[in-house]
Amino acid sequence: MKNYLLYDKALEALTRRGVDLIRLAQVVYDLQSPYQKGLTVDICHENILKVLSKTEVQHTVITGIQMDELAEKKLWEGPLQTIIENDESLYGIDEILALSIVNLYGTIASTNFGYLDKLKPGIIGEYNNKTKGEVHTFLDDILSALAASACSRLAHSK
């Protein structure tokens, strides 16, 4: 599949799940603005889109979102359904999947991912909220990885 088709599919999947990338760009801005004069949310948004332009990232986004959607439809078997549906704390596969994005962007992305995964600021925390009956076990970590990787791109471009 050509890269631009995957890019469109990844954006489509994020849109289908209600993700507002401008709000995610705000998380990037909040993390990076102390270190970069003149930084704007638009620049942060551009960097998120650049992260999304990588095929490996597109694969992760599409896979993780589909796994969440399958859990919402209760299509997983046995204990895996409950584990994913409840985002059980010792189930680290969601973080491992997200780290496939972070690993493309180095140490700055890794440390920012850990920070974002722990604090869940802004839109990331909203997708981590389990009270709406939706499953975002993979998506909240993917959003953290996208933001962390955009932060790394910004830091390295300075």
C-alpha atoms as a PDB file:
ATOM      1  CA  MET A   1       0.000   0.000   0.000  1.00  0.00           C
ATOM      2  CA  LYS A   2       1.402   3.390  -0.932  1.00  0.00           C
ATOM      3  CA  ASN A   3       2.447   5.636   1.947  1.00  0.00           C
ATOM      4  CA  TYR A   4      -0.060   8.397   1.186  1.00  0.00           C
ATOM      5  CA  LEU A   5      -2.908   5.860   1.344  1.00  0.00           C
ATOM      6  CA  LEU A   6      -1.710   4.702   4.762  1.00  0.00           C
ATOM      7  CA  TYR A   7      -1.364   8.319   5.865  1.00  0.00           C
ATOM      8  CA  ASP A   8      -4.973   8.987   4.872  1.00  0.00           C
ATOM      9  CA  LYS A   9      -6.112   5.798   6.629  1.00  0.00           C
ATOM     10  CA  ALA A  10      -4.272   6.766   9.814  1.00  0.00           C
ATOM     11  CA  LEU A  11      -5.816  10.257   9.784  1.00  0.00           C
ATOM     12  CA  GLU A  12      -9.212   8.746   9.017  1.00  0.00           C
ATOM     13  CA  ALA A  13      -8.885   6.357  11.983  1.00  0.00           C
ATOM     14  CA  LEU A  14      -7.920   9.208  14.323  1.00  0.00           C
ATOM     15  CA  THR A  15     -10.852  11.285  13.035  1.00  0.00           C
ATOM     16  CA  ARG A  16     -13.230   8.349  13.435  1.00  0.00           C
ATOM     17  CA  ARG A  17     -12.194   8.156  17.089  1.00  0.00           C
ATOM     18  CA  GLY A  18     -12.779  11.891  17.516  1.00  0.00           C
ATOM     19  CA  VAL A  19      -9.137  12.916  17.919  1.00  0.00           C
ATOM     20  CA  ASP A  20      -8.505  16.630  17.437  1.00  0.00           C
ATOM     21  CA  LEU A  21      -4.845  16.920  16.469  1.00  0.00           C
ATOM     22  CA  ILE A  22      -4.857  20.649  17.257  1.00  0.00           C
ATOM     23  CA  ARG A  23      -5.656  19.761  20.870  1.00  0.00           C
ATOM     24  CA  LEU A  24      -2.800  17.259  20.815  1.00  0.00           C
ATOM     25  CA  ALA A  25      -0.586  20.000  19.393  1.00  0.00           C
ATOM     26  CA  GLN A  26      -1.468  22.048  22.482  1.00  0.00           C
ATOM     27  CA  VAL A  27       0.079  19.309  24.639  1.00  0.00           C
ATOM     28  CA  VAL A  28       3.243  19.497  22.522  1.00  0.00           C
ATOM     29  CA  TYR A  29       3.231  23.279  22.822  1.00  0.00           C
ATOM     30  CA  ASP A  30       2.880  23.124  26.612  1.00  0.00           C
ATOM     31  CA  LEU A  31       5.902  20.822  26.830  1.00  0.00           C
ATOM     32  CA  GLN A  32       8.160  22.583  24.335  1.00  0.00           C
ATOM     33  CA  SER A  33       7.324  26.291  24.626  1.00  0.00           C
ATOM     34  CA  PRO A  34       9.632  26.856  27.615  1.00  0.00           C
ATOM     35  CA  TYR A  35      12.542  25.751  25.422  1.00  0.00           C
ATOM     36  CA  GLN A  36      11.693  27.394  22.099  1.00  0.00           C
ATOM     37  CA  LYS A  37      10.945  31.048  21.627  1.00  0.00           C
ATOM     38  CA  GLY A  38       8.372  31.774  18.944  1.00  0.00           C
ATOM     39  CA  LEU A  39       6.868  28.297  19.065  1.00  0.00           C
ATOM     40  CA  THR A  40       3.187  28.156  18.065  1.00  0.00           C
ATOM     41  CA  VAL A  41       0.498  25.509  18.258  1.00  0.00           C
ATOM     42  CA  ASP A  42       0.488  25.499  14.438  1.00  0.00           C
ATOM     43  CA  ILE A  43       4.189  24.566  14.384  1.00  0.00           C
ATOM     44  CA  CYS A  44       3.476  21.812  16.905  1.00  0.00           C
ATOM     45  CA  HIS A  45       0.604  20.566  14.733  1.00  0.00           C
ATOM     46  CA  GLU A  46       2.893  20.492  11.684  1.00  0.00           C
ATOM     47  CA  ASN A  47       5.353  18.360  13.647  1.00  0.00           C
ATOM     48  CA  ILE A  48       2.620  15.902  14.655  1.00  0.00           C
ATOM     49  CA  LEU A  49       1.690  15.578  10.976  1.00  0.00           C
ATOM     50  CA  LYS A  50       5.367  14.979  10.133  1.00  0.00           C
ATOM     51  CA  VAL A  51       5.478  12.186  12.723  1.00  0.00           C
ATOM     52  CA  LEU A  52       2.315  10.748  11.167  1.00  0.00           C
ATOM     53  CA  SER A  53       3.972  10.789   7.743  1.00  0.00           C
ATOM     54  CA  LYS A  54       6.188   7.827   8.709  1.00  0.00           C
ATOM     55  CA  THR A  55       4.913   4.445   7.570  1.00  0.00           C
ATOM     56  CA  GLU A  56       5.811   2.774  10.891  1.00  0.00           C
ATOM     57  CA  VAL A  57       3.715   5.361  12.734  1.00  0.00           C
ATOM     58  CA  GLN A  58       0.778   4.871  10.389  1.00  0.00           C
ATOM     59  CA  HIS A  59       0.919   1.113  10.987  1.00  0.00           C
ATOM     60  CA  THR A  60       0.855   1.663  14.740  1.00  0.00           C
ATOM     61  CA  VAL A  61      -2.039   4.130  14.635  1.00  0.00           C
ATOM     62  CA  ILE A  62      -4.164   1.892  12.426  1.00  0.00           C
ATOM     63  CA  THR A  63      -3.373  -1.253  14.427  1.00  0.00           C
ATOM     64  CA  GLY A  64      -3.950   0.277  17.851  1.00  0.00           C
ATOM     65  CA  ILE A  65      -7.216   1.942  16.923  1.00  0.00           C
ATOM     66  CA  GLN A  66      -8.525  -1.223  15.326  1.00  0.00           C
ATOM     67  CA  MET A  67      -7.638  -3.179  18.465  1.00  0.00           C
ATOM     68  CA  ASP A  68      -9.624  -0.682  20.573  1.00  0.00           C
ATOM     69  CA  GLU A  69     -12.565  -0.899  18.179  1.00  0.00           C
ATOM     70  CA  LEU A  70     -12.552  -4.695  18.316  1.00  0.00           C
ATOM     71  CA  ALA A  71     -12.682  -4.504  22.115  1.00  0.00           C
ATOM     72  CA  GLU A  72     -15.640  -2.092  21.948  1.00  0.00           C
ATOM     73  CA  LYS A  73     -17.457  -4.612  19.752  1.00  0.00           C
ATOM     74  CA  LYS A  74     -16.464  -7.382  22.195  1.00  0.00           C
ATOM     75  CA  LEU A  75     -14.702  -9.348  19.455  1.00  0.00           C
ATOM     76  CA  TRP A  76     -11.675 -10.504  21.461  1.00  0.00           C
ATOM     77  CA  GLU A  77     -11.792 -13.952  23.022  1.00  0.00           C
ATOM     78  CA  GLY A  78     -11.463 -14.953  26.654  1.00  0.00           C
ATOM     79  CA  PRO A  79      -9.489 -12.896  29.105  1.00  0.00           C
ATOM     80  CA  LEU A  80      -8.008 -10.678  26.386  1.00  0.00           C
ATOM     81  CA  GLN A  81     -11.403  -9.003  25.914  1.00  0.00           C
ATOM     82  CA  THR A  82     -11.591  -8.065  29.587  1.00  0.00           C
ATOM     83  CA  ILE A  83      -7.937  -7.054  29.774  1.00  0.00           C
ATOM     84  CA  ILE A  84      -8.159  -4.669  26.803  1.00  0.00           C
ATOM     85  CA  GLU A  85     -11.645  -3.428  27.635  1.00  0.00           C
ATOM     86  CA  ASN A  86     -10.589  -2.508  31.180  1.00  0.00           C
ATOM     87  CA  ASP A  87      -7.082  -1.295  30.244  1.00  0.00           C
ATOM     88  CA  GLU A  88      -5.673  -3.433  33.050  1.00  0.00           C
ATOM     89  CA  SER A  89      -2.609  -1.908  34.648  1.00  0.00           C
ATOM     90  CA  LEU A  90      -0.241  -4.837  34.103  1.00  0.00           C
ATOM     91  CA  TYR A  91      -1.162  -5.157  30.426  1.00  0.00           C
ATOM     92  CA  GLY A  92       1.765  -3.319  28.890  1.00  0.00           C
ATOM     93  CA  ILE A  93       1.174  -4.210  25.258  1.00  0.00           C
ATOM     94  CA  ASP A  94      -0.499  -0.838  24.687  1.00  0.00           C
ATOM     95  CA  GLU A  95       2.671   0.951  25.816  1.00  0.00           C
ATOM     96  CA  ILE A  96       4.867  -1.433  23.824  1.00  0.00           C
ATOM     97  CA  LEU A  97       2.898  -0.676  20.658  1.00  0.00           C
ATOM     98  CA  ALA A  98       3.180   3.071  21.292  1.00  0.00           C
ATOM     99  CA  LEU A  99       6.912   2.734  21.920  1.00  0.00           C
ATOM    100  CA  SER A 100       7.289   1.610  18.306  1.00  0.00           C
ATOM    101  CA  ILE A 101       6.566   5.258  17.449  1.00  0.00           C
ATOM    102  CA  VAL A 102       8.716   6.732  20.206  1.00  0.00           C
ATOM    103  CA  ASN A 103      11.711   4.546  19.320  1.00  0.00           C
ATOM    104  CA  LEU A 104      11.932   6.300  15.947  1.00  0.00           C
ATOM    105  CA  TYR A 105      12.647   9.620  17.709  1.00  0.00           C
ATOM    106  CA  GLY A 106      15.228   8.864  20.392  1.00  0.00           C
ATOM    107  CA  THR A 107      15.784   9.694  24.037  1.00  0.00           C
ATOM    108  CA  ILE A 108      13.848  12.965  24.120  1.00  0.00           C
ATOM    109  CA  ALA A 109      10.785  11.167  22.786  1.00  0.00           C
ATOM    110  CA  SER A 110      11.249   8.344  25.309  1.00  0.00           C
ATOM    111  CA  THR A 111      11.454  10.626  28.336  1.00  0.00           C
ATOM    112  CA  ASN A 112       8.526  12.737  27.134  1.00  0.00           C
ATOM    113  CA  PHE A 113       6.479   9.594  26.510  1.00  0.00           C
ATOM    114  CA  GLY A 114       7.043   8.417  30.083  1.00  0.00           C
ATOM    115  CA  TYR A 115       6.023  11.830  31.380  1.00  0.00           C
ATOM    116  CA  LEU A 116       2.891  11.992  29.212  1.00  0.00           C
ATOM    117  CA  ASP A 117       1.945   8.385  29.944  1.00  0.00           C
ATOM    118  CA  LYS A 118       2.110   9.075  33.670  1.00  0.00           C
ATOM    119  CA  LEU A 119       0.396  12.487  33.801  1.00  0.00           C
ATOM    120  CA  LYS A 120      -2.010  12.123  30.839  1.00  0.00           C
ATOM    121  CA  PRO A 121      -2.466  15.872  30.250  1.00  0.00           C
ATOM    122  CA  GLY A 122      -5.207  17.406  28.113  1.00  0.00           C
ATOM    123  CA  ILE A 123      -6.697  15.317  25.345  1.00  0.00           C
ATOM    124  CA  ILE A 124      -4.580  12.314  26.354  1.00  0.00           C
ATOM    125  CA  GLY A 125      -6.308  12.141  29.743  1.00  0.00           C
ATOM    126  CA  GLU A 126      -9.699  12.443  28.104  1.00  0.00           C
ATOM    127  CA  TYR A 127      -8.972   9.334  26.049  1.00  0.00           C
ATOM    128  CA  ASN A 128      -7.677   7.550  29.141  1.00  0.00           C
ATOM    129  CA  ASN A 129     -11.012   8.234  30.914  1.00  0.00           C
ATOM    130  CA  LYS A 130     -12.967   4.990  31.088  1.00  0.00           C
ATOM    131  CA  THR A 131     -16.340   6.444  32.173  1.00  0.00           C
ATOM    132  CA  LYS A 132     -17.817   6.952  28.674  1.00  0.00           C
ATOM    133  CA  GLY A 133     -18.020   3.262  27.770  1.00  0.00           C
ATOM    134  CA  GLU A 134     -15.513   3.639  24.952  1.00  0.00           C
ATOM    135  CA  VAL A 135     -12.282   1.663  24.736  1.00  0.00           C
ATOM    136  CA  HIS A 136      -9.110   3.666  24.154  1.00  0.00           C
ATOM    137  CA  THR A 137      -6.587   1.307  25.726  1.00  0.00           C
ATOM    138  CA  PHE A 138      -4.207   1.743  22.798  1.00  0.00           C
ATOM    139  CA  LEU A 139      -5.220   5.209  21.629  1.00  0.00           C
ATOM    140  CA  ASP A 140      -4.257   7.162  24.750  1.00  0.00           C
ATOM    141  CA  ASP A 141      -0.745   5.712  24.551  1.00  0.00           C
ATOM    142  CA  ILE A 142      -0.561   6.351  20.810  1.00  0.00           C
ATOM    143  CA  LEU A 143      -1.499   9.988  21.432  1.00  0.00           C
ATOM    144  CA  SER A 144       1.227  10.220  24.076  1.00  0.00           C
ATOM    145  CA  ALA A 145       3.702   8.737  21.587  1.00  0.00           C
ATOM    146  CA  LEU A 146       2.695  11.147  18.811  1.00  0.00           C
ATOM    147  CA  ALA A 147       3.066  14.134  21.132  1.00  0.00           C
ATOM    148  CA  ALA A 148       6.366  12.895  22.581  1.00  0.00           C
ATOM    149  CA  SER A 149       7.771  12.277  19.110  1.00  0.00           C
ATOM    150  CA  ALA A 150       6.678  15.718  17.898  1.00  0.00           C
ATOM    151  CA  CYS A 151       8.479  17.190  20.930  1.00  0.00           C
ATOM    152  CA  SER A 152      11.611  15.332  19.922  1.00  0.00           C
ATOM    153  CA  ARG A 153      11.384  16.585  16.325  1.00  0.00           C
ATOM    154  CA  LEU A 154      11.091  20.119  17.634  1.00  0.00           C
ATOM    155  CA  ALA A 155      13.985  19.742  20.036  1.00  0.00           C
ATOM    156  CA  HIS A 156      16.231  18.317  17.337  1.00  0.00           C
ATOM    157  CA  SER A 157      15.297  21.030  14.856  1.00  0.00           C
ATOM    158  CA  LYS A 158      16.465  23.763  17.214  1.00  0.00           C
END
